[in-house]
Amino acid sequence: MLVTISFYLLAFVAVAAAMMVVLARNPVHSVMFLITVFFSAAGLFVLMGAEFIALLLVMVYVGAVAVLFLFVVMMLDVDFAELKAGFLNYLPLGLILGVVLLAEMIMVGAFYFSGSREQMVQYSDDKTNLERFGEVLYTEYAFFFEAAGLVLLVAMVGAIVLTLRHREGVKKQDITQQVSRTRETAIEMVDLESGKGVGS
């Protein structure tokens, strides 16, 4: 009973947050709703027994991609009103893609609940889902897994480069000058008469 309630609650939150990603006027709010969708989907994967996929959703999508989106949206001067002006022009294409995705999900659900899932690969040993994913990723596909991390690193560096602006008159920190200073160059001893300040 608790699993059923948790499933419907997470599913409702995921669908509602996904709708708010598209309907929210503020792009920062859209990214926050997107993070909510990822967390809800991760919870659904945990209920299904796919702990590793849930871990990937939280670490990769929430910890890297969504935060990267939020960073870019907040730091770049993008005119989102102009971007949303052509929303109706792309609405037919979006509806077509939505219908295609819905048909694919219905086909997968029909395959799963029709009993055809018994034709899928069955393993005789009693290894967990997490152990099996670890064997696949770190033995057969280790290179591709590391390449995905490199792509995320390049994307993060690219976002930093895009938001880097050179402005005149801005004070910058010089680490070399800070570390190499001595007591003689950093401290100035001043003799003050009683009752008088420095500026008198």
Protein backbone atom coordinates (compact mmCIF):
# COMPACT_ATOMS: atom_id res chain seq x y z
CA MET A 1 0.00 0.00 0.00
CA LEU A 2 2.82 2.39 0.88
CA VAL A 3 4.59 1.66 -2.41
CA THR A 4 1.41 2.37 -4.38
CA ILE A 5 0.84 5.69 -2.61
CA SER A 6 4.48 6.66 -3.14
CA PHE A 7 4.25 5.79 -6.85
CA TYR A 8 1.15 7.89 -7.49
CA LEU A 9 2.52 10.79 -5.44
CA LEU A 10 5.86 10.82 -7.28
CA ALA A 11 4.14 10.40 -10.64
CA PHE A 12 1.77 13.29 -9.96
CA VAL A 13 4.64 15.56 -8.88
CA ALA A 14 6.68 14.58 -11.95
CA VAL A 15 3.84 15.30 -14.39
CA ALA A 16 2.84 18.55 -12.69
CA ALA A 17 6.45 19.79 -12.54
CA ALA A 18 6.98 18.83 -16.20
CA MET A 19 3.99 20.96 -17.17
CA MET A 20 5.34 23.88 -15.13
CA VAL A 21 8.70 23.61 -16.93
CA VAL A 22 6.90 24.63 -20.12
CA LEU A 23 4.31 27.00 -18.63
CA ALA A 24 6.50 28.96 -16.19
CA ARG A 25 7.29 32.48 -17.40
CA ASN A 26 10.50 32.80 -15.44
CA PRO A 27 13.29 30.62 -16.95
CA VAL A 28 14.92 30.18 -13.53
CA HIS A 29 11.67 28.75 -12.20
CA SER A 30 11.53 26.43 -15.24
CA VAL A 31 14.94 25.00 -14.37
CA MET A 32 13.91 24.51 -10.74
CA PHE A 33 10.79 22.62 -11.87
CA LEU A 34 13.04 20.54 -14.16
CA ILE A 35 15.15 19.57 -11.15
CA THR A 36 11.92 18.53 -9.39
CA VAL A 37 11.05 16.32 -12.35
CA PHE A 38 14.45 14.62 -12.18
CA PHE A 39 14.11 13.97 -8.45
CA SER A 40 10.61 12.55 -8.87
CA ALA A 41 11.76 10.30 -11.73
CA ALA A 42 14.66 9.11 -9.57
CA GLY A 43 12.19 8.17 -6.84
CA LEU A 44 10.13 6.20 -9.36
CA PHE A 45 13.24 4.31 -10.48
CA VAL A 46 14.01 3.44 -6.86
CA LEU A 47 10.50 2.02 -6.47
CA MET A 48 11.10 -0.10 -9.61
CA GLY A 49 14.35 -1.48 -8.21
CA ALA A 50 16.63 0.40 -10.63
CA GLU A 51 18.77 2.11 -8.01
CA PHE A 52 21.69 2.82 -10.32
CA ILE A 53 19.56 4.72 -12.86
CA ALA A 54 18.08 6.75 -10.00
CA LEU A 55 21.62 7.53 -8.82
CA LEU A 56 22.60 8.62 -12.33
CA LEU A 57 19.57 10.90 -12.56
CA VAL A 58 20.49 12.67 -9.34
CA MET A 59 24.24 12.87 -9.94
CA VAL A 60 24.37 13.60 -13.68
CA TYR A 61 21.14 15.41 -14.50
CA VAL A 62 20.45 17.22 -11.23
CA GLY A 63 24.05 17.67 -10.11
CA ALA A 64 25.50 18.67 -13.47
CA VAL A 65 23.09 19.33 -16.32
CA ALA A 66 20.29 21.12 -14.43
CA VAL A 67 22.72 23.18 -12.38
CA LEU A 68 24.54 24.05 -15.60
CA PHE A 69 21.24 25.18 -17.14
CA LEU A 70 20.50 27.28 -14.07
CA PHE A 71 23.98 28.80 -14.16
CA VAL A 72 23.70 29.74 -17.83
CA VAL A 73 20.16 31.11 -17.50
CA MET A 74 21.06 33.29 -14.52
CA MET A 75 24.37 34.60 -15.89
CA LEU A 76 23.65 35.19 -19.58
CA ASP A 77 21.68 38.22 -20.74
CA VAL A 78 19.17 36.31 -22.86
CA ASP A 79 15.98 37.98 -24.03
CA PHE A 80 13.53 35.22 -23.14
CA ALA A 81 10.55 37.29 -24.20
CA GLU A 82 11.90 37.24 -27.75
CA LEU A 83 12.56 33.50 -27.54
CA LYS A 84 8.99 32.77 -26.42
CA ALA A 85 7.51 35.04 -29.10
CA GLY A 86 7.70 32.25 -31.69
CA PHE A 87 6.11 29.64 -29.42
CA LEU A 88 2.94 29.32 -31.50
CA ASN A 89 4.96 28.87 -34.70
CA TYR A 90 6.55 25.69 -33.35
CA LEU A 91 3.41 24.41 -31.61
CA PRO A 92 2.36 22.01 -34.45
CA LEU A 93 5.81 20.40 -34.53
CA GLY A 94 5.79 20.07 -30.75
CA LEU A 95 2.37 18.40 -30.83
CA ILE A 96 3.55 15.91 -33.48
CA LEU A 97 6.62 15.00 -31.41
CA GLY A 98 4.46 14.70 -28.30
CA VAL A 99 2.10 12.28 -30.07
CA VAL A 100 5.06 10.20 -31.30
CA LEU A 101 6.55 9.99 -27.79
CA LEU A 102 3.15 9.08 -26.33
CA ALA A 103 2.73 6.30 -28.92
CA GLU A 104 6.18 4.95 -28.04
CA MET A 105 5.36 4.89 -24.32
CA ILE A 106 2.06 3.11 -25.02
CA MET A 107 3.89 0.49 -27.11
CA VAL A 108 6.45 -0.10 -24.34
CA GLY A 109 3.70 -0.39 -21.73
CA ALA A 110 1.73 -2.80 -23.90
CA PHE A 111 4.86 -4.94 -24.39
CA TYR A 112 5.57 -4.98 -20.67
CA PHE A 113 2.07 -5.84 -19.48
CA SER A 114 1.27 -8.36 -22.26
CA GLY A 115 3.55 -11.01 -20.79
CA SER A 116 6.17 -10.57 -23.50
CA ARG A 117 8.67 -9.44 -20.88
CA GLU A 118 9.26 -13.12 -20.12
CA GLN A 119 11.14 -13.28 -23.44
CA MET A 120 13.69 -10.81 -22.11
CA VAL A 121 17.09 -11.96 -20.87
CA GLN A 122 16.90 -13.79 -17.59
CA TYR A 123 19.92 -14.13 -15.29
CA SER A 124 20.46 -17.15 -13.12
CA ASP A 125 22.76 -15.58 -10.53
CA ASP A 126 21.54 -13.40 -7.69
CA LYS A 127 23.45 -10.19 -8.38
CA THR A 128 21.73 -6.90 -7.68
CA ASN A 129 20.80 -4.30 -10.26
CA LEU A 130 23.59 -2.01 -9.06
CA GLU A 131 26.25 -4.72 -9.30
CA ARG A 132 25.19 -5.60 -12.84
CA PHE A 133 25.32 -1.99 -14.02
CA GLY A 134 28.72 -1.56 -12.40
CA GLU A 135 30.11 -4.56 -14.27
CA VAL A 136 28.82 -3.26 -17.60
CA LEU A 137 29.94 0.35 -17.15
CA TYR A 138 33.38 -0.27 -15.68
CA THR A 139 34.38 -3.22 -17.86
CA GLU A 140 32.77 -3.09 -21.31
CA TYR A 141 31.79 0.57 -21.61
CA ALA A 142 34.24 2.31 -19.29
CA PHE A 143 35.58 4.53 -22.10
CA PHE A 144 32.15 5.83 -23.05
CA PHE A 145 31.29 6.48 -19.41
CA GLU A 146 34.46 8.55 -18.98
CA ALA A 147 33.81 10.33 -22.29
CA ALA A 148 30.38 11.42 -21.02
CA GLY A 149 32.05 12.95 -17.96
CA LEU A 150 34.51 14.76 -20.24
CA VAL A 151 31.64 16.19 -22.28
CA LEU A 152 30.01 17.54 -19.11
CA LEU A 153 33.34 19.09 -18.07
CA VAL A 154 33.69 20.82 -21.44
CA ALA A 155 30.11 22.10 -21.16
CA MET A 156 30.83 23.56 -17.72
CA VAL A 157 34.00 25.28 -18.97
CA GLY A 158 32.05 26.62 -21.96
CA ALA A 159 29.40 28.13 -19.68
CA ILE A 160 32.10 29.84 -17.62
CA VAL A 161 33.75 31.24 -20.75
CA LEU A 162 30.40 32.55 -22.04
CA THR A 163 29.70 34.41 -18.80
CA LEU A 164 33.22 35.82 -18.42
CA ARG A 165 33.21 39.55 -19.09
CA HIS A 166 36.22 41.87 -18.98
CA ARG A 167 35.29 45.15 -17.33
CA GLU A 168 37.50 48.13 -16.66
CA GLY A 169 37.80 49.53 -13.17
CA VAL A 170 37.02 46.24 -11.44
CA LYS A 171 39.37 45.26 -8.64
CA LYS A 172 40.94 41.85 -9.12
CA GLN A 173 42.67 39.60 -6.65
CA ASP A 174 46.40 39.03 -7.21
CA ILE A 175 47.30 35.84 -5.38
CA THR A 176 51.05 36.23 -6.01
CA GLN A 177 51.11 39.71 -4.54
CA GLN A 178 49.07 38.59 -1.53
CA VAL A 179 51.27 35.63 -0.72
CA SER A 180 54.59 37.39 -1.29
CA ARG A 181 53.93 40.43 0.90
CA THR A 182 55.93 40.87 4.09
CA ARG A 183 55.40 42.64 7.40
CA GLU A 184 57.30 45.69 6.17
CA THR A 185 55.11 46.11 3.06
CA ALA A 186 51.79 45.20 4.68
CA ILE A 187 51.92 47.16 7.94
CA GLU A 188 52.44 50.90 8.35
CA MET A 189 53.30 52.22 11.81
CA VAL A 190 51.86 55.69 12.53
CA ASP A 191 52.47 57.83 15.62
CA LEU A 192 49.35 59.73 16.60
CA GLU A 193 49.06 62.52 19.09
CA SER A 194 46.50 62.19 21.81
CA GLY A 195 43.10 63.46 20.77
CA LYS A 196 43.83 63.50 17.03
CA GLY A 197 42.83 61.02 14.35
CA VAL A 198 44.62 59.86 11.22
CA GLY A 199 42.90 62.38 8.95
CA SER A 200 43.43 65.42 11.22
